[in-house]
């Protein structure tokens, strides 16, 4: 769906505020959080979710072109989870990642993907060079105004910028309770208000499409706890804080899932902006 006014009111209602499932916005140091992933790069790659196929179906539908043979920059590529999936869809992928340790993990697991060390605010590519730019779980680590301007410069006419996140579904009671405990226990805890990025795209003249999808995965309690500790706000905590939080969450989650198999629910959020240039 691409209706602008409707989009912003509906998405803001869903993603912000105090109602269940909302995203709390906190002030945080973008640089400190982004750099912290270098210390947990291997854990990030091992525990983070992949992306459902429907995401790439929707990107093709909204962008109005096939990923097959499309030239794609996957910016903030991290360990290459989305880069690999885009390549499997037939795209010519160039991964763009500034963090040296995350880039090392990407190269180890995806050596066939071209890799460039750079940031979204300063893309080392010529004007109108690519069909699609993606940010998988990464756009909130950039300066949105500068990154969108750079994307518009690098995208060919008719190209698209796709921003997507998987967000733990706080509308599910036990997840909402867990997030409240994490917020209380970890000083660096933060959530991202993704709707502001829809507005940023629109303000720079892009037509914005929006898609959401609910999904879940079953993992062991050990995997669940390792995934929790792969977030930046956890990596920035002290060792003592980390151990205390993990012990608390182990007890709380096992109360809900006594067999040790955890059903983790997510909402996938996709914002796609069309380049009119």
C-alpha atoms as a PDB file:
ATOM      1  CA  UNK A   1       0.000   0.000   0.000  1.00  0.00           C
ATOM      2  CA  UNK A   2       1.309   3.443  -0.905  1.00  0.00           C
ATOM      3  CA  UNK A   3      -1.308   5.929   0.351  1.00  0.00           C
ATOM      4  CA  UNK A   4       0.795   8.567   2.084  1.00  0.00           C
ATOM      5  CA  UNK A   5      -1.503  10.240   4.615  1.00  0.00           C
ATOM      6  CA  UNK A   6      -3.138   6.980   5.640  1.00  0.00           C
ATOM      7  CA  UNK A   7       0.247   5.318   5.917  1.00  0.00           C
ATOM      8  CA  UNK A   8       1.706   7.713   8.449  1.00  0.00           C
ATOM      9  CA  UNK A   9      -1.309   7.801  10.760  1.00  0.00           C
ATOM     10  CA  UNK A  10      -1.804   4.038  10.690  1.00  0.00           C
ATOM     11  CA  UNK A  11       1.864   3.103  11.101  1.00  0.00           C
ATOM     12  CA  UNK A  12       2.374   5.645  13.868  1.00  0.00           C
ATOM     13  CA  UNK A  13      -0.626   4.241  15.715  1.00  0.00           C
ATOM     14  CA  UNK A  14       0.825   0.727  15.409  1.00  0.00           C
ATOM     15  CA  UNK A  15       4.465   1.473  16.129  1.00  0.00           C
ATOM     16  CA  UNK A  16       4.533   4.248  18.731  1.00  0.00           C
ATOM     17  CA  UNK A  17       2.947   5.235  22.009  1.00  0.00           C
ATOM     18  CA  UNK A  18       2.129   3.210  25.079  1.00  0.00           C
ATOM     19  CA  UNK A  19      -0.280   0.680  23.580  1.00  0.00           C
ATOM     20  CA  UNK A  20       0.841  -2.985  23.347  1.00  0.00           C
ATOM     21  CA  UNK A  21       3.225  -3.506  20.452  1.00  0.00           C
ATOM     22  CA  UNK A  22       4.381   0.107  20.413  1.00  0.00           C
ATOM     23  CA  UNK A  23       8.009   1.073  20.095  1.00  0.00           C
ATOM     24  CA  UNK A  24       9.529   3.208  22.840  1.00  0.00           C
ATOM     25  CA  UNK A  25      11.874   5.867  21.516  1.00  0.00           C
ATOM     26  CA  UNK A  26      14.878   6.625  23.681  1.00  0.00           C
ATOM     27  CA  UNK A  27      17.797   8.963  23.090  1.00  0.00           C
ATOM     28  CA  UNK A  28      21.016   7.076  22.462  1.00  0.00           C
ATOM     29  CA  UNK A  29      24.462   7.521  20.965  1.00  0.00           C
ATOM     30  CA  UNK A  30      24.175   6.166  17.433  1.00  0.00           C
ATOM     31  CA  UNK A  31      27.923   5.747  17.051  1.00  0.00           C
ATOM     32  CA  UNK A  32      28.443   3.879  20.322  1.00  0.00           C
ATOM     33  CA  UNK A  33      25.600   1.485  19.598  1.00  0.00           C
ATOM     34  CA  UNK A  34      26.640   0.866  16.008  1.00  0.00           C
ATOM     35  CA  UNK A  35      30.276   0.228  16.914  1.00  0.00           C
ATOM     36  CA  UNK A  36      29.325  -2.221  19.653  1.00  0.00           C
ATOM     37  CA  UNK A  37      28.318  -4.827  17.071  1.00  0.00           C
ATOM     38  CA  UNK A  38      31.980  -5.469  16.357  1.00  0.00           C
ATOM     39  CA  UNK A  39      32.296  -7.203  19.731  1.00  0.00           C
ATOM     40  CA  UNK A  40      29.380  -9.572  19.050  1.00  0.00           C
ATOM     41  CA  UNK A  41      29.657 -10.090  15.280  1.00  0.00           C
ATOM     42  CA  UNK A  42      29.935 -13.904  15.380  1.00  0.00           C
ATOM     43  CA  UNK A  43      27.103 -14.200  17.888  1.00  0.00           C
ATOM     44  CA  UNK A  44      24.955 -11.870  15.779  1.00  0.00           C
ATOM     45  CA  UNK A  45      25.449 -14.051  12.718  1.00  0.00           C
ATOM     46  CA  UNK A  46      24.715 -17.259  14.616  1.00  0.00           C
ATOM     47  CA  UNK A  47      21.560 -16.173  16.447  1.00  0.00           C
ATOM     48  CA  UNK A  48      19.703 -13.466  14.518  1.00  0.00           C
ATOM     49  CA  UNK A  49      16.635 -14.412  12.447  1.00  0.00           C
ATOM     50  CA  UNK A  50      16.703 -14.653   8.691  1.00  0.00           C
ATOM     51  CA  UNK A  51      13.981 -13.007   6.579  1.00  0.00           C
ATOM     52  CA  UNK A  52      10.837 -14.686   5.217  1.00  0.00           C
ATOM     53  CA  UNK A  53      10.493 -15.054   1.443  1.00  0.00           C
ATOM     54  CA  UNK A  54       7.434 -12.788   1.441  1.00  0.00           C
ATOM     55  CA  UNK A  55       9.707  -9.816   2.144  1.00  0.00           C
ATOM     56  CA  UNK A  56      11.468 -10.140  -1.197  1.00  0.00           C
ATOM     57  CA  UNK A  57       8.204 -10.850  -2.997  1.00  0.00           C
ATOM     58  CA  UNK A  58       6.867  -7.548  -1.638  1.00  0.00           C
ATOM     59  CA  UNK A  59      10.026  -5.642  -2.543  1.00  0.00           C
ATOM     60  CA  UNK A  60       9.648  -6.815  -6.140  1.00  0.00           C
ATOM     61  CA  UNK A  61       5.943  -5.971  -6.178  1.00  0.00           C
ATOM     62  CA  UNK A  62       6.380  -2.513  -4.684  1.00  0.00           C
ATOM     63  CA  UNK A  63       9.510  -1.678  -6.675  1.00  0.00           C
ATOM     64  CA  UNK A  64       7.836  -2.928  -9.857  1.00  0.00           C
ATOM     65  CA  UNK A  65      10.879  -4.817 -11.089  1.00  0.00           C
ATOM     66  CA  UNK A  66      12.423  -8.247 -10.540  1.00  0.00           C
ATOM     67  CA  UNK A  67      15.400  -8.796  -8.281  1.00  0.00           C
ATOM     68  CA  UNK A  68      16.846 -11.141 -10.905  1.00  0.00           C
ATOM     69  CA  UNK A  69      19.814  -9.340 -12.522  1.00  0.00           C
ATOM     70  CA  UNK A  70      19.048  -6.146 -10.553  1.00  0.00           C
ATOM     71  CA  UNK A  71      22.073  -4.308  -9.159  1.00  0.00           C
ATOM     72  CA  UNK A  72      21.570  -3.985  -5.401  1.00  0.00           C
ATOM     73  CA  UNK A  73      23.532  -2.188  -2.702  1.00  0.00           C
ATOM     74  CA  UNK A  74      22.876  -3.814   0.674  1.00  0.00           C
ATOM     75  CA  UNK A  75      23.974  -1.003   3.000  1.00  0.00           C
ATOM     76  CA  UNK A  76      24.788  -1.727   6.621  1.00  0.00           C
ATOM     77  CA  UNK A  77      24.982  -5.337   5.518  1.00  0.00           C
ATOM     78  CA  UNK A  78      26.311  -6.601   8.840  1.00  0.00           C
ATOM     79  CA  UNK A  79      27.222 -10.269   8.552  1.00  0.00           C
ATOM     80  CA  UNK A  80      25.448 -10.594   5.210  1.00  0.00           C
ATOM     81  CA  UNK A  81      22.143 -12.225   6.175  1.00  0.00           C
ATOM     82  CA  UNK A  82      20.101 -10.150   3.708  1.00  0.00           C
ATOM     83  CA  UNK A  83      22.934  -9.941   1.156  1.00  0.00           C
ATOM     84  CA  UNK A  84      22.910 -13.719   0.790  1.00  0.00           C
ATOM     85  CA  UNK A  85      19.127 -13.877   0.393  1.00  0.00           C
ATOM     86  CA  UNK A  86      19.145 -11.105  -2.217  1.00  0.00           C
ATOM     87  CA  UNK A  87      21.844 -12.944  -4.149  1.00  0.00           C
ATOM     88  CA  UNK A  88      19.781 -16.142  -4.000  1.00  0.00           C
ATOM     89  CA  UNK A  89      16.950 -14.199  -5.649  1.00  0.00           C
ATOM     90  CA  UNK A  90      19.252 -13.506  -8.589  1.00  0.00           C
ATOM     91  CA  UNK A  91      20.383  -9.986  -7.724  1.00  0.00           C
ATOM     92  CA  UNK A  92      23.890  -8.641  -8.345  1.00  0.00           C
ATOM     93  CA  UNK A  93      24.669  -7.664  -4.745  1.00  0.00           C
ATOM     94  CA  UNK A  94      27.304  -5.321  -3.385  1.00  0.00           C
ATOM     95  CA  UNK A  95      27.415  -5.369   0.420  1.00  0.00           C
ATOM     96  CA  UNK A  96      28.323  -2.076   2.094  1.00  0.00           C
ATOM     97  CA  UNK A  97      29.450  -2.370   5.735  1.00  0.00           C
ATOM     98  CA  UNK A  98      31.575   0.064   7.795  1.00  0.00           C
ATOM     99  CA  UNK A  99      32.327  -2.146  10.822  1.00  0.00           C
ATOM    100  CA  UNK A 100      35.502  -4.157  10.258  1.00  0.00           C
ATOM    101  CA  UNK A 101      34.490  -7.125  12.429  1.00  0.00           C
ATOM    102  CA  UNK A 102      31.009  -7.379  10.948  1.00  0.00           C
ATOM    103  CA  UNK A 103      32.574  -7.139   7.480  1.00  0.00           C
ATOM    104  CA  UNK A 104      34.986  -9.955   8.373  1.00  0.00           C
ATOM    105  CA  UNK A 105      32.054 -12.171   9.334  1.00  0.00           C
ATOM    106  CA  UNK A 106      30.278 -11.290   6.096  1.00  0.00           C
ATOM    107  CA  UNK A 107      33.323 -12.235   4.038  1.00  0.00           C
ATOM    108  CA  UNK A 108      33.825 -15.494   5.970  1.00  0.00           C
ATOM    109  CA  UNK A 109      30.281 -16.721   5.400  1.00  0.00           C
ATOM    110  CA  UNK A 110      29.547 -15.042   2.059  1.00  0.00           C
ATOM    111  CA  UNK A 111      32.858 -14.801   0.145  1.00  0.00           C
ATOM    112  CA  UNK A 112      30.985 -14.661  -3.165  1.00  0.00           C
ATOM    113  CA  UNK A 113      29.362 -11.312  -2.255  1.00  0.00           C
ATOM    114  CA  UNK A 114      31.247  -8.172  -3.275  1.00  0.00           C
ATOM    115  CA  UNK A 115      32.088  -6.126  -0.177  1.00  0.00           C
ATOM    116  CA  UNK A 116      32.840  -2.412   0.220  1.00  0.00           C
ATOM    117  CA  UNK A 117      33.740  -0.695   3.497  1.00  0.00           C
ATOM    118  CA  UNK A 118      31.637   2.464   3.561  1.00  0.00           C
ATOM    119  CA  UNK A 119      28.728   4.219   5.243  1.00  0.00           C
ATOM    120  CA  UNK A 120      25.282   5.013   3.906  1.00  0.00           C
ATOM    121  CA  UNK A 121      25.932   8.740   4.269  1.00  0.00           C
ATOM    122  CA  UNK A 122      28.838   8.577   1.806  1.00  0.00           C
ATOM    123  CA  UNK A 123      28.428   5.849  -0.809  1.00  0.00           C
ATOM    124  CA  UNK A 124      31.507   5.436  -3.063  1.00  0.00           C
ATOM    125  CA  UNK A 125      29.464   4.813  -6.222  1.00  0.00           C
ATOM    126  CA  UNK A 126      28.702   6.916  -9.276  1.00  0.00           C
ATOM    127  CA  UNK A 127      25.411   8.668  -9.913  1.00  0.00           C
ATOM    128  CA  UNK A 128      22.452   6.548 -11.080  1.00  0.00           C
ATOM    129  CA  UNK A 129      24.463   3.332 -10.767  1.00  0.00           C
ATOM    130  CA  UNK A 130      22.073   0.870  -9.097  1.00  0.00           C
ATOM    131  CA  UNK A 131      18.488  -0.388  -9.231  1.00  0.00           C
ATOM    132  CA  UNK A 132      17.849  -0.973  -5.530  1.00  0.00           C
ATOM    133  CA  UNK A 133      19.365   0.037  -2.202  1.00  0.00           C
ATOM    134  CA  UNK A 134      18.440  -2.009   0.862  1.00  0.00           C
ATOM    135  CA  UNK A 135      18.958  -1.409   4.560  1.00  0.00           C
ATOM    136  CA  UNK A 136      18.262  -4.603   6.504  1.00  0.00           C
ATOM    137  CA  UNK A 137      17.939  -3.852  10.210  1.00  0.00           C
ATOM    138  CA  UNK A 138      20.373  -0.984   9.666  1.00  0.00           C
ATOM    139  CA  UNK A 139      18.890   2.335   8.570  1.00  0.00           C
ATOM    140  CA  UNK A 140      18.482   3.601  12.137  1.00  0.00           C
ATOM    141  CA  UNK A 141      22.284   3.608  12.475  1.00  0.00           C
ATOM    142  CA  UNK A 142      22.612   6.325   9.814  1.00  0.00           C
ATOM    143  CA  UNK A 143      21.821  10.002   9.485  1.00  0.00           C
ATOM    144  CA  UNK A 144      18.515   9.612   7.601  1.00  0.00           C
ATOM    145  CA  UNK A 145      18.611  12.891   5.703  1.00  0.00           C
ATOM    146  CA  UNK A 146      22.116  12.365   4.332  1.00  0.00           C
ATOM    147  CA  UNK A 147      21.601   8.657   3.646  1.00  0.00           C
ATOM    148  CA  UNK A 148      18.406   9.266   1.668  1.00  0.00           C
ATOM    149  CA  UNK A 149      20.125  12.001  -0.360  1.00  0.00           C
ATOM    150  CA  UNK A 150      22.976   9.616  -1.141  1.00  0.00           C
ATOM    151  CA  UNK A 151      20.511   6.896  -2.100  1.00  0.00           C
ATOM    152  CA  UNK A 152      18.705   9.266  -4.475  1.00  0.00           C
ATOM    153  CA  UNK A 153      22.029  10.194  -6.062  1.00  0.00           C
ATOM    154  CA  UNK A 154      23.097   6.586  -6.603  1.00  0.00           C
ATOM    155  CA  UNK A 155      19.730   5.136  -7.662  1.00  0.00           C
ATOM    156  CA  UNK A 156      18.863   5.012 -11.345  1.00  0.00           C
ATOM    157  CA  UNK A 157      15.579   6.677 -12.433  1.00  0.00           C
ATOM    158  CA  UNK A 158      12.792   4.369 -11.326  1.00  0.00           C
ATOM    159  CA  UNK A 159      14.984   2.725  -8.685  1.00  0.00           C
ATOM    160  CA  UNK A 160      13.918   2.080  -5.110  1.00  0.00           C
ATOM    161  CA  UNK A 161      15.168   2.332  -1.544  1.00  0.00           C
ATOM    162  CA  UNK A 162      13.943  -0.497   0.746  1.00  0.00           C
ATOM    163  CA  UNK A 163      14.228  -0.191   4.528  1.00  0.00           C
ATOM    164  CA  UNK A 164      13.202  -3.192   6.581  1.00  0.00           C
ATOM    165  CA  UNK A 165      13.301  -4.422  10.162  1.00  0.00           C
ATOM    166  CA  UNK A 166      12.166  -7.464  12.095  1.00  0.00           C
ATOM    167  CA  UNK A 167      10.765  -6.216  15.396  1.00  0.00           C
ATOM    168  CA  UNK A 168      10.015  -8.422  18.383  1.00  0.00           C
ATOM    169  CA  UNK A 169       6.229  -8.366  18.714  1.00  0.00           C
ATOM    170  CA  UNK A 170       5.547  -6.601  22.008  1.00  0.00           C
ATOM    171  CA  UNK A 171       1.823  -7.101  21.506  1.00  0.00           C
ATOM    172  CA  UNK A 172       2.484 -10.668  22.714  1.00  0.00           C
ATOM    173  CA  UNK A 173       2.239 -10.434  26.498  1.00  0.00           C
ATOM    174  CA  UNK A 174       5.413 -12.260  27.503  1.00  0.00           C
ATOM    175  CA  UNK A 175       7.510 -10.345  24.959  1.00  0.00           C
ATOM    176  CA  UNK A 176       6.120  -7.023  26.162  1.00  0.00           C
ATOM    177  CA  UNK A 177       6.932  -8.009  29.747  1.00  0.00           C
ATOM    178  CA  UNK A 178      10.453  -9.042  28.754  1.00  0.00           C
ATOM    179  CA  UNK A 179      11.105  -5.760  26.955  1.00  0.00           C
ATOM    180  CA  UNK A 180       9.988  -3.826  30.053  1.00  0.00           C
ATOM    181  CA  UNK A 181      12.447  -5.802  32.183  1.00  0.00           C
ATOM    182  CA  UNK A 182      15.266  -5.154  29.699  1.00  0.00           C
ATOM    183  CA  UNK A 183      14.466  -1.435  29.630  1.00  0.00           C
ATOM    184  CA  UNK A 184      14.581  -1.286  33.422  1.00  0.00           C
ATOM    185  CA  UNK A 185      17.801  -3.309  33.748  1.00  0.00           C
ATOM    186  CA  UNK A 186      19.956  -1.993  30.888  1.00  0.00           C
ATOM    187  CA  UNK A 187      20.892   1.713  30.831  1.00  0.00           C
ATOM    188  CA  UNK A 188      21.561   1.674  27.071  1.00  0.00           C
ATOM    189  CA  UNK A 189      18.258   0.014  26.148  1.00  0.00           C
ATOM    190  CA  UNK A 190      16.672   1.635  23.075  1.00  0.00           C
ATOM    191  CA  UNK A 191      13.931   1.154  20.528  1.00  0.00           C
ATOM    192  CA  UNK A 192      13.636   2.726  17.105  1.00  0.00           C
ATOM    193  CA  UNK A 193      10.578   4.629  15.889  1.00  0.00           C
ATOM    194  CA  UNK A 194      10.572   3.450  12.282  1.00  0.00           C
ATOM    195  CA  UNK A 195       7.681   5.672  11.202  1.00  0.00           C
ATOM    196  CA  UNK A 196       9.951   8.720  11.284  1.00  0.00           C
ATOM    197  CA  UNK A 197      11.841   7.158   8.387  1.00  0.00           C
ATOM    198  CA  UNK A 198       8.639   6.905   6.331  1.00  0.00           C
ATOM    199  CA  UNK A 199       8.243  10.620   6.868  1.00  0.00           C
ATOM    200  CA  UNK A 200      11.900  11.245   5.959  1.00  0.00           C
ATOM    201  CA  UNK A 201      11.444   9.400   2.649  1.00  0.00           C
ATOM    202  CA  UNK A 202       8.309  11.367   1.856  1.00  0.00           C
ATOM    203  CA  UNK A 203       9.925  14.690   2.744  1.00  0.00           C
ATOM    204  CA  UNK A 204      12.625  14.043   0.143  1.00  0.00           C
ATOM    205  CA  UNK A 205      10.078  13.452  -2.600  1.00  0.00           C
ATOM    206  CA  UNK A 206       9.842   9.678  -2.558  1.00  0.00           C
ATOM    207  CA  UNK A 207       6.552   7.804  -2.878  1.00  0.00           C
ATOM    208  CA  UNK A 208       6.431   5.515   0.149  1.00  0.00           C
ATOM    209  CA  UNK A 209       4.950   2.012   0.274  1.00  0.00           C
ATOM    210  CA  UNK A 210       4.483   0.083   3.496  1.00  0.00           C
ATOM    211  CA  UNK A 211       4.151  -3.619   4.305  1.00  0.00           C
ATOM    212  CA  UNK A 212       3.933  -5.550   7.569  1.00  0.00           C
ATOM    213  CA  UNK A 213       4.036  -9.281   8.187  1.00  0.00           C
ATOM    214  CA  UNK A 214       3.771 -11.280  11.395  1.00  0.00           C
ATOM    215  CA  UNK A 215       5.852 -14.419  11.784  1.00  0.00           C
ATOM    216  CA  UNK A 216       7.556 -16.507  14.442  1.00  0.00           C
ATOM    217  CA  UNK A 217      10.340 -18.999  14.954  1.00  0.00           C
ATOM    218  CA  UNK A 218      10.973 -21.752  17.496  1.00  0.00           C
ATOM    219  CA  UNK A 219      14.387 -21.767  19.147  1.00  0.00           C
ATOM    220  CA  UNK A 220      15.986 -23.296  22.222  1.00  0.00           C
ATOM    221  CA  UNK A 221      16.211 -21.275  25.418  1.00  0.00           C
ATOM    222  CA  UNK A 222      19.986 -21.037  24.874  1.00  0.00           C
ATOM    223  CA  UNK A 223      19.484 -19.638  21.376  1.00  0.00           C
ATOM    224  CA  UNK A 224      16.874 -17.177  22.657  1.00  0.00           C
ATOM    225  CA  UNK A 225      19.211 -15.848  25.349  1.00  0.00           C
ATOM    226  CA  UNK A 226      22.143 -15.635  22.924  1.00  0.00           C
ATOM    227  CA  UNK A 227      19.918 -13.680  20.516  1.00  0.00           C
ATOM    228  CA  UNK A 228      18.919 -11.251  23.278  1.00  0.00           C
ATOM    229  CA  UNK A 229      22.569 -10.623  24.028  1.00  0.00           C
ATOM    230  CA  UNK A 230      23.335  -9.832  20.362  1.00  0.00           C
ATOM    231  CA  UNK A 231      21.658  -6.408  20.613  1.00  0.00           C
ATOM    232  CA  UNK A 232      23.726  -3.263  20.968  1.00  0.00           C
ATOM    233  CA  UNK A 233      22.139  -2.172  24.245  1.00  0.00           C
ATOM    234  CA  UNK A 234      23.208  -5.516  25.740  1.00  0.00           C
ATOM    235  CA  UNK A 235      26.739  -5.334  24.326  1.00  0.00           C
ATOM    236  CA  UNK A 236      27.179  -1.914  25.956  1.00  0.00           C
ATOM    237  CA  UNK A 237      26.191  -3.201  29.400  1.00  0.00           C
ATOM    238  CA  UNK A 238      28.719  -4.332  31.987  1.00  0.00           C
ATOM    239  CA  UNK A 239      29.506  -8.029  32.363  1.00  0.00           C
ATOM    240  CA  UNK A 240      27.749  -8.038  35.737  1.00  0.00           C
ATOM    241  CA  UNK A 241      24.621  -6.474  34.230  1.00  0.00           C
ATOM    242  CA  UNK A 242      24.656  -8.965  31.370  1.00  0.00           C
ATOM    243  CA  UNK A 243      24.899 -11.986  33.684  1.00  0.00           C
ATOM    244  CA  UNK A 244      22.104 -10.700  35.924  1.00  0.00           C
ATOM    245  CA  UNK A 245      19.784 -10.017  32.983  1.00  0.00           C
ATOM    246  CA  UNK A 246      20.408 -13.411  31.395  1.00  0.00           C
ATOM    247  CA  UNK A 247      19.765 -15.222  34.678  1.00  0.00           C
ATOM    248  CA  UNK A 248      16.514 -13.313  35.175  1.00  0.00           C
ATOM    249  CA  UNK A 249      15.356 -13.960  31.607  1.00  0.00           C
ATOM    250  CA  UNK A 250      16.216 -17.639  31.756  1.00  0.00           C
ATOM    251  CA  UNK A 251      13.929 -18.072  34.766  1.00  0.00           C
ATOM    252  CA  UNK A 252      11.129 -15.916  33.324  1.00  0.00           C
ATOM    253  CA  UNK A 253      11.139 -17.506  29.875  1.00  0.00           C
ATOM    254  CA  UNK A 254      11.291 -21.049  31.218  1.00  0.00           C
ATOM    255  CA  UNK A 255       8.224 -20.264  33.311  1.00  0.00           C
ATOM    256  CA  UNK A 256       6.413 -19.562  30.033  1.00  0.00           C
ATOM    257  CA  UNK A 257       8.141 -22.322  28.005  1.00  0.00           C
ATOM    258  CA  UNK A 258       9.068 -25.071  30.508  1.00  0.00           C
ATOM    259  CA  UNK A 259      10.182 -27.481  27.766  1.00  0.00           C
ATOM    260  CA  UNK A 260      12.957 -25.043  26.806  1.00  0.00           C
ATOM    261  CA  UNK A 261      11.610 -24.403  23.286  1.00  0.00           C
ATOM    262  CA  UNK A 262      10.761 -20.714  22.863  1.00  0.00           C
ATOM    263  CA  UNK A 263       8.281 -19.349  20.313  1.00  0.00           C
ATOM    264  CA  UNK A 264       9.730 -15.952  19.367  1.00  0.00           C
ATOM    265  CA  UNK A 265       7.156 -13.735  17.589  1.00  0.00           C
ATOM    266  CA  UNK A 266       8.165 -10.949  15.191  1.00  0.00           C
ATOM    267  CA  UNK A 267       6.666  -8.286  12.997  1.00  0.00           C
ATOM    268  CA  UNK A 268       8.462  -7.527   9.766  1.00  0.00           C
ATOM    269  CA  UNK A 269       8.184  -3.873   8.705  1.00  0.00           C
ATOM    270  CA  UNK A 270       9.101  -2.793   5.165  1.00  0.00           C
ATOM    271  CA  UNK A 271       9.206   0.811   3.961  1.00  0.00           C
ATOM    272  CA  UNK A 272       9.985   1.240   0.262  1.00  0.00           C
ATOM    273  CA  UNK A 273      10.568   4.600  -1.380  1.00  0.00           C
ATOM    274  CA  UNK A 274      10.456   5.080  -5.148  1.00  0.00           C
ATOM    275  CA  UNK A 275      12.957   7.346  -6.865  1.00  0.00           C
ATOM    276  CA  UNK A 276      11.156   9.694  -9.244  1.00  0.00           C
ATOM    277  CA  UNK A 277      14.362  10.994 -10.817  1.00  0.00           C
END
